Structures are given as structure tokens and as C-alpha cells.
C-alpha atoms as a PDB file:
ATOM      1  CA  UNK A   1       2.571-122.711  54.925  1.00  0.00           C
ATOM      2  CA  UNK A   2      -0.607-120.645  54.025  1.00  0.00           C
ATOM      3  CA  UNK A   3      -1.877-120.872  57.636  1.00  0.00           C
ATOM      4  CA  UNK A   4       1.051-119.384  59.030  1.00  0.00           C
ATOM      5  CA  UNK A   5       1.052-116.444  56.671  1.00  0.00           C
ATOM      6  CA  UNK A   6      -2.638-115.784  57.683  1.00  0.00           C
ATOM      7  CA  UNK A   7      -2.222-116.306  61.670  1.00  0.00           C
ATOM      8  CA  UNK A   8       0.671-113.629  61.036  1.00  0.00           C
ATOM      9  CA  UNK A   9      -1.096-111.084  58.740  1.00  0.00           C
ATOM     10  CA  UNK A  10      -4.198-111.106  61.482  1.00  0.00           C
ATOM     11  CA  UNK A  11      -1.788-110.649  64.548  1.00  0.00           C
ATOM     12  CA  UNK A  12      -0.549-107.651  62.287  1.00  0.00           C
ATOM     13  CA  UNK A  13      -3.824-106.610  61.965  1.00  0.00           C
ATOM     14  CA  UNK A  14      -4.949-107.240  65.409  1.00  0.00           C
ATOM     15  CA  UNK A  15      -1.700-104.884  66.940  1.00  0.00           C
ATOM     16  CA  UNK A  16      -2.558-102.264  64.353  1.00  0.00           C
ATOM     17  CA  UNK A  17      -6.265-102.341  65.585  1.00  0.00           C
ATOM     18  CA  UNK A  18      -5.318-102.242  69.403  1.00  0.00           C
ATOM     19  CA  UNK A  19      -3.756 -99.106  68.955  1.00  0.00           C
ATOM     20  CA  UNK A  20      -6.606 -97.162  67.955  1.00  0.00           C
ATOM     21  CA  UNK A  21      -8.917 -98.715  70.041  1.00  0.00           C
ATOM     22  CA  UNK A  22      -9.079 -98.015  73.943  1.00  0.00           C
ATOM     23  CA  UNK A  23      -6.882 -95.621  75.904  1.00  0.00           C
ATOM     24  CA  UNK A  24      -4.345 -94.212  73.897  1.00  0.00           C
ATOM     25  CA  UNK A  25      -0.985 -94.215  75.571  1.00  0.00           C
ATOM     26  CA  UNK A  26       1.316 -94.344  72.369  1.00  0.00           C
ATOM     27  CA  UNK A  27       2.572 -90.618  72.993  1.00  0.00           C
ATOM     28  CA  UNK A  28       4.327 -91.872  76.192  1.00  0.00           C
ATOM     29  CA  UNK A  29       7.348 -93.412  74.577  1.00  0.00           C
ATOM     30  CA  UNK A  30      10.416 -91.728  73.337  1.00  0.00           C
ATOM     31  CA  UNK A  31      10.199 -93.791  70.124  1.00  0.00           C
ATOM     32  CA  UNK A  32       6.814 -92.445  69.363  1.00  0.00           C
ATOM     33  CA  UNK A  33       8.185 -88.716  69.932  1.00  0.00           C
ATOM     34  CA  UNK A  34      11.196 -89.289  67.870  1.00  0.00           C
ATOM     35  CA  UNK A  35       9.087 -90.970  64.910  1.00  0.00           C
ATOM     36  CA  UNK A  36       6.979 -87.662  65.272  1.00  0.00           C
ATOM     37  CA  UNK A  37       9.811 -85.299  64.938  1.00  0.00           C
ATOM     38  CA  UNK A  38      11.068 -87.389  61.538  1.00  0.00           C
ATOM     39  CA  UNK A  39       7.516 -87.199  60.230  1.00  0.00           C
ATOM     40  CA  UNK A  40       7.189 -83.446  60.802  1.00  0.00           C
ATOM     41  CA  UNK A  41      10.782 -83.376  59.210  1.00  0.00           C
ATOM     42  CA  UNK A  42       9.574 -85.104  56.380  1.00  0.00           C
ATOM     43  CA  UNK A  43       6.706 -82.760  56.083  1.00  0.00           C
ATOM     44  CA  UNK A  44       8.443 -79.696  55.948  1.00  0.00           C
ATOM     45  CA  UNK A  45      11.326 -80.864  53.475  1.00  0.00           C
ATOM     46  CA  UNK A  46       8.913 -82.520  50.952  1.00  0.00           C
ATOM     47  CA  UNK A  47       7.614 -79.395  49.274  1.00  0.00           C
ATOM     48  CA  UNK A  48      11.448 -78.496  48.248  1.00  0.00           C
ATOM     49  CA  UNK A  49      11.693 -82.252  46.292  1.00  0.00           C
ATOM     50  CA  UNK A  50       8.414 -82.162  44.203  1.00  0.00           C
ATOM     51  CA  UNK A  51       6.681 -80.489  41.526  1.00  0.00           C
ATOM     52  CA  UNK A  52       4.329 -77.628  42.296  1.00  0.00           C
ATOM     53  CA  UNK A  53       1.033 -79.085  40.529  1.00  0.00           C
ATOM     54  CA  UNK A  54       1.698 -82.520  42.638  1.00  0.00           C
ATOM     55  CA  UNK A  55       2.299 -80.176  45.814  1.00  0.00           C
ATOM     56  CA  UNK A  56      -0.718 -78.401  45.277  1.00  0.00           C
ATOM     57  CA  UNK A  57      -2.903 -81.130  45.391  1.00  0.00           C
ATOM     58  CA  UNK A  58      -1.177 -82.828  48.460  1.00  0.00           C
ATOM     59  CA  UNK A  59      -1.740 -80.041  50.129  1.00  0.00           C
ATOM     60  CA  UNK A  60      -5.508 -79.994  49.436  1.00  0.00           C
ATOM     61  CA  UNK A  61      -5.469 -83.449  50.740  1.00  0.00           C
ATOM     62  CA  UNK A  62      -3.294 -82.838  53.817  1.00  0.00           C
ATOM     63  CA  UNK A  63      -5.757 -79.906  54.851  1.00  0.00           C
ATOM     64  CA  UNK A  64      -8.856 -82.196  54.674  1.00  0.00           C
ATOM     65  CA  UNK A  65      -7.184 -84.967  56.553  1.00  0.00           C
ATOM     66  CA  UNK A  66      -6.412 -82.627  59.378  1.00  0.00           C
ATOM     67  CA  UNK A  67     -10.055 -82.031  59.478  1.00  0.00           C
ATOM     68  CA  UNK A  68     -10.676 -85.395  59.705  1.00  0.00           C
ATOM     69  CA  UNK A  69      -8.148 -86.012  62.391  1.00  0.00           C
ATOM     70  CA  UNK A  70      -9.908 -83.504  64.386  1.00  0.00           C
ATOM     71  CA  UNK A  71     -13.223 -85.271  64.190  1.00  0.00           C
ATOM     72  CA  UNK A  72     -11.759 -88.754  64.889  1.00  0.00           C
ATOM     73  CA  UNK A  73      -9.892 -87.412  67.942  1.00  0.00           C
ATOM     74  CA  UNK A  74     -12.604 -85.336  69.550  1.00  0.00           C
ATOM     75  CA  UNK A  75     -15.486 -87.859  68.711  1.00  0.00           C
ATOM     76  CA  UNK A  76     -13.519 -91.177  68.125  1.00  0.00           C
ATOM     77  CA  UNK A  77     -11.168 -90.808  71.512  1.00  0.00           C
ATOM     78  CA  UNK A  78     -13.270 -88.613  73.821  1.00  0.00           C
ATOM     79  CA  UNK A  79     -16.783 -89.568  72.476  1.00  0.00           C
ATOM     80  CA  UNK A  80     -17.911 -85.717  72.050  1.00  0.00           C
ATOM     81  CA  UNK A  81     -20.083 -85.368  69.233  1.00  0.00           C
ATOM     82  CA  UNK A  82     -19.437 -82.084  67.789  1.00  0.00           C
ATOM     83  CA  UNK A  83     -19.683 -79.954  64.945  1.00  0.00           C
ATOM     84  CA  UNK A  84     -17.325 -77.135  65.875  1.00  0.00           C
ATOM     85  CA  UNK A  85     -14.499 -78.195  63.793  1.00  0.00           C
ATOM     86  CA  UNK A  86     -16.019 -77.180  60.841  1.00  0.00           C
ATOM     87  CA  UNK A  87     -16.462 -73.784  62.321  1.00  0.00           C
ATOM     88  CA  UNK A  88     -13.117 -73.275  63.446  1.00  0.00           C
ATOM     89  CA  UNK A  89     -12.039 -74.737  60.492  1.00  0.00           C
ATOM     90  CA  UNK A  90     -13.903 -72.068  58.242  1.00  0.00           C
ATOM     91  CA  UNK A  91     -12.697 -69.383  60.751  1.00  0.00           C
ATOM     92  CA  UNK A  92      -8.971 -70.467  60.074  1.00  0.00           C
ATOM     93  CA  UNK A  93      -9.462 -70.236  56.350  1.00  0.00           C
ATOM     94  CA  UNK A  94     -11.209 -67.349  56.096  1.00  0.00           C
ATOM     95  CA  UNK A  95      -8.375 -65.648  58.559  1.00  0.00           C
ATOM     96  CA  UNK A  96      -5.773 -67.067  56.373  1.00  0.00           C
ATOM     97  CA  UNK A  97      -7.308 -65.816  52.769  1.00  0.00           C
ATOM     98  CA  UNK A  98      -8.304 -62.115  54.536  1.00  0.00           C
ATOM     99  CA  UNK A  99      -4.735 -61.782  56.108  1.00  0.00           C
ATOM    100  CA  UNK A 100      -2.730 -63.538  52.876  1.00  0.00           C
ATOM    101  CA  UNK A 101      -4.528 -61.506  50.419  1.00  0.00           C
ATOM    102  CA  UNK A 102      -3.944 -58.234  52.473  1.00  0.00           C
ATOM    103  CA  UNK A 103      -0.215 -58.720  53.312  1.00  0.00           C
ATOM    104  CA  UNK A 104       1.007 -60.701  50.258  1.00  0.00           C
ATOM    105  CA  UNK A 105       2.626 -57.302  49.284  1.00  0.00           C
ATOM    106  CA  UNK A 106       4.015 -56.187  52.262  1.00  0.00           C
ATOM    107  CA  UNK A 107       5.375 -59.669  53.543  1.00  0.00           C
ATOM    108  CA  UNK A 108       5.922 -61.476  50.011  1.00  0.00           C
ATOM    109  CA  UNK A 109       4.428 -64.739  51.408  1.00  0.00           C
ATOM    110  CA  UNK A 110       2.003 -66.537  53.666  1.00  0.00           C
ATOM    111  CA  UNK A 111       3.561 -67.163  56.501  1.00  0.00           C
ATOM    112  CA  UNK A 112       2.059 -64.437  58.487  1.00  0.00           C
ATOM    113  CA  UNK A 113      -1.349 -65.459  57.218  1.00  0.00           C
ATOM    114  CA  UNK A 114      -0.932 -69.249  58.505  1.00  0.00           C
ATOM    115  CA  UNK A 115       0.358 -68.056  62.093  1.00  0.00           C
ATOM    116  CA  UNK A 116      -3.008 -65.356  61.895  1.00  0.00           C
ATOM    117  CA  UNK A 117      -5.205 -68.101  60.985  1.00  0.00           C
ATOM    118  CA  UNK A 118      -4.023 -70.598  63.586  1.00  0.00           C
ATOM    119  CA  UNK A 119      -4.329 -67.697  66.287  1.00  0.00           C
ATOM    120  CA  UNK A 120      -7.953 -66.634  65.450  1.00  0.00           C
ATOM    121  CA  UNK A 121      -9.095 -70.183  65.114  1.00  0.00           C
ATOM    122  CA  UNK A 122      -7.814 -70.933  68.119  1.00  0.00           C
ATOM    123  CA  UNK A 123      -8.665 -67.876  70.276  1.00  0.00           C
ATOM    124  CA  UNK A 124     -12.394 -68.460  68.792  1.00  0.00           C
ATOM    125  CA  UNK A 125     -12.222 -72.172  70.071  1.00  0.00           C
ATOM    126  CA  UNK A 126     -10.858 -71.125  73.327  1.00  0.00           C
ATOM    127  CA  UNK A 127     -14.073 -68.730  73.617  1.00  0.00           C
ATOM    128  CA  UNK A 128     -16.342 -71.224  72.920  1.00  0.00           C
ATOM    129  CA  UNK A 129     -14.779 -73.637  74.939  1.00  0.00           C
ATOM    130  CA  UNK A 130     -14.603 -71.204  77.808  1.00  0.00           C
ATOM    131  CA  UNK A 131     -18.169 -70.955  77.693  1.00  0.00           C
ATOM    132  CA  UNK A 132     -19.031 -74.479  77.647  1.00  0.00           C
ATOM    133  CA  UNK A 133     -16.815 -75.591  80.342  1.00  0.00           C
ATOM    134  CA  UNK A 134     -17.844 -73.011  82.816  1.00  0.00           C
ATOM    135  CA  UNK A 135     -21.613 -73.481  81.583  1.00  0.00           C
ATOM    136  CA  UNK A 136     -21.165 -77.051  82.550  1.00  0.00           C
ATOM    137  CA  UNK A 137     -22.473 -78.136  78.893  1.00  0.00           C
ATOM    138  CA  UNK A 138     -22.189 -82.080  78.077  1.00  0.00           C
ATOM    139  CA  UNK A 139     -24.078 -84.726  76.131  1.00  0.00           C
ATOM    140  CA  UNK A 140     -26.184 -83.968  73.382  1.00  0.00           C
ATOM    141  CA  UNK A 141     -26.033 -80.075  74.275  1.00  0.00           C
ATOM    142  CA  UNK A 142     -22.861 -79.874  73.135  1.00  0.00           C
ATOM    143  CA  UNK A 143     -23.450 -81.190  69.409  1.00  0.00           C
ATOM    144  CA  UNK A 144     -26.232 -78.597  69.619  1.00  0.00           C
ATOM    145  CA  UNK A 145     -24.545 -75.709  70.614  1.00  0.00           C
ATOM    146  CA  UNK A 146     -21.734 -76.213  68.496  1.00  0.00           C
ATOM    147  CA  UNK A 147     -23.967 -77.143  65.311  1.00  0.00           C
ATOM    148  CA  UNK A 148     -25.629 -73.775  66.383  1.00  0.00           C
ATOM    149  CA  UNK A 149     -22.168 -71.833  66.256  1.00  0.00           C
ATOM    150  CA  UNK A 150     -21.333 -73.450  62.637  1.00  0.00           C
ATOM    151  CA  UNK A 151     -24.765 -72.661  61.483  1.00  0.00           C
ATOM    152  CA  UNK A 152     -24.098 -69.068  62.867  1.00  0.00           C
ATOM    153  CA  UNK A 153     -20.847 -68.635  61.289  1.00  0.00           C
ATOM    154  CA  UNK A 154     -22.802 -69.870  57.775  1.00  0.00           C
ATOM    155  CA  UNK A 155     -25.163 -67.384  57.826  1.00  0.00           C
ATOM    156  CA  UNK A 156     -22.591 -64.508  58.811  1.00  0.00           C
ATOM    157  CA  UNK A 157     -20.542 -65.606  55.848  1.00  0.00           C
ATOM    158  CA  UNK A 158     -23.861 -65.566  53.544  1.00  0.00           C
ATOM    159  CA  UNK A 159     -24.715 -62.250  54.464  1.00  0.00           C
ATOM    160  CA  UNK A 160     -20.901 -60.859  53.460  1.00  0.00           C
ATOM    161  CA  UNK A 161     -21.249 -61.071  50.054  1.00  0.00           C
ATOM    162  CA  UNK A 162     -19.285 -58.287  48.220  1.00  0.00           C
ATOM    163  CA  UNK A 163     -17.902 -57.032  51.784  1.00  0.00           C
ATOM    164  CA  UNK A 164     -14.217 -56.466  51.832  1.00  0.00           C
ATOM    165  CA  UNK A 165     -11.964 -56.521  54.608  1.00  0.00           C
ATOM    166  CA  UNK A 166      -8.480 -55.400  54.018  1.00  0.00           C
ATOM    167  CA  UNK A 167      -7.698 -56.009  50.842  1.00  0.00           C
ATOM    168  CA  UNK A 168      -9.729 -59.067  50.349  1.00  0.00           C
ATOM    169  CA  UNK A 169     -13.170 -59.403  48.791  1.00  0.00           C
ATOM    170  CA  UNK A 170     -15.434 -61.751  50.723  1.00  0.00           C
ATOM    171  CA  UNK A 171     -17.798 -63.594  48.387  1.00  0.00           C
ATOM    172  CA  UNK A 172     -20.426 -64.894  50.775  1.00  0.00           C
ATOM    173  CA  UNK A 173     -21.241 -68.846  50.204  1.00  0.00           C
ATOM    174  CA  UNK A 174     -18.587 -68.869  47.089  1.00  0.00           C
ATOM    175  CA  UNK A 175     -15.859 -68.126  49.844  1.00  0.00           C
ATOM    176  CA  UNK A 176     -12.948 -65.535  48.741  1.00  0.00           C
ATOM    177  CA  UNK A 177     -12.778 -64.900  44.801  1.00  0.00           C
ATOM    178  CA  UNK A 178      -9.602 -65.699  42.980  1.00  0.00           C
ATOM    179  CA  UNK A 179      -7.004 -63.324  42.611  1.00  0.00           C
ATOM    180  CA  UNK A 180      -7.836 -60.631  39.763  1.00  0.00           C
ATOM    181  CA  UNK A 181      -4.054 -59.701  39.009  1.00  0.00           C
END
């Protein structure tokens, strides 16, 4: 009896592991995309049915999960060792903060800041990708170049202590300070 249970659980683990290894063809089926739409729908409806504290804590977890997933895709599936995720994560975060703080009185929400963060981070990554692609940079040089970009971004932010952009005051290494209202 216990051998059957062990074989069945080992078979399940092997099936899940097989989905995560090798060439990923998971997105080729309509069942996958229906499931994807259900998950996206749950994510959009979730804030309506939970208390604000748990929503804030889970939002922080989801943000860090997205950063980890980007590293898993780029390094795990494509094999490209890259430090660029952190640079563009920071660009998106700072853009969200600057636009959100500056326009919160005008828009009343952060929807514009979310869109601006995605657009600015996408443009920055597309520019770097353009030069890397047409410069035919590959292998270890990708890691070196993307590390240089991340360190340059850190240096720029370190040197912008007490600088304001719109209504947002940059805090250098301490990021954007909390609202003083």
C-alpha cells in the first residue's frame, strides 16, 4: 500500500519537474491561456475582498516575486547571466514613485504612475537591448555590461540625494522618503 502511494507522489513530482525543465511548450495550449486568464482575473479581484494590511504585505511579496521570475526566465530558460533586471526594476520603481508623488493630487490614484513605470522601464531596457543586440554582445560580456548598467544606476541615484523631480524628493541611497503630509 505504501509503495503505491510513494510511486504516485514520485510520479506527480516528476511531471511537475518535467514542466519546468527543458524547452517550455506550456503556452502552446488553450488550456494554459484559460488558466492564465483565470489567475489574472483573481489577481485583479483579490484587492476587493481582503483587508488593507494583508493587501499591502502581499503586494510587497508579489513585487519581489516578479523580480525573481524575471531572473528565472532570463537565466533559467535562456541561459543568459544578466544583472539588468535589478537596474530596470529600480528604474520602474523610481518612475512609479516620482510620477505617483507628483501627480497624486491631479489623478487621485496611482494608475498613471503604474503605466509610466512600465513604459519607462520598457524603453530603458529596449535601448540597452538594442545596443547589445546590434553590438553582438554575448556570453560573459552580457553579465559585465548589465552589471555596469546596474552600478551606473546606483551611482546616479547615490549622487541625487536631496534632489527634487516634480514634487518628489530623491533620497539617494535611501530611495524616496515617505510622504510628509
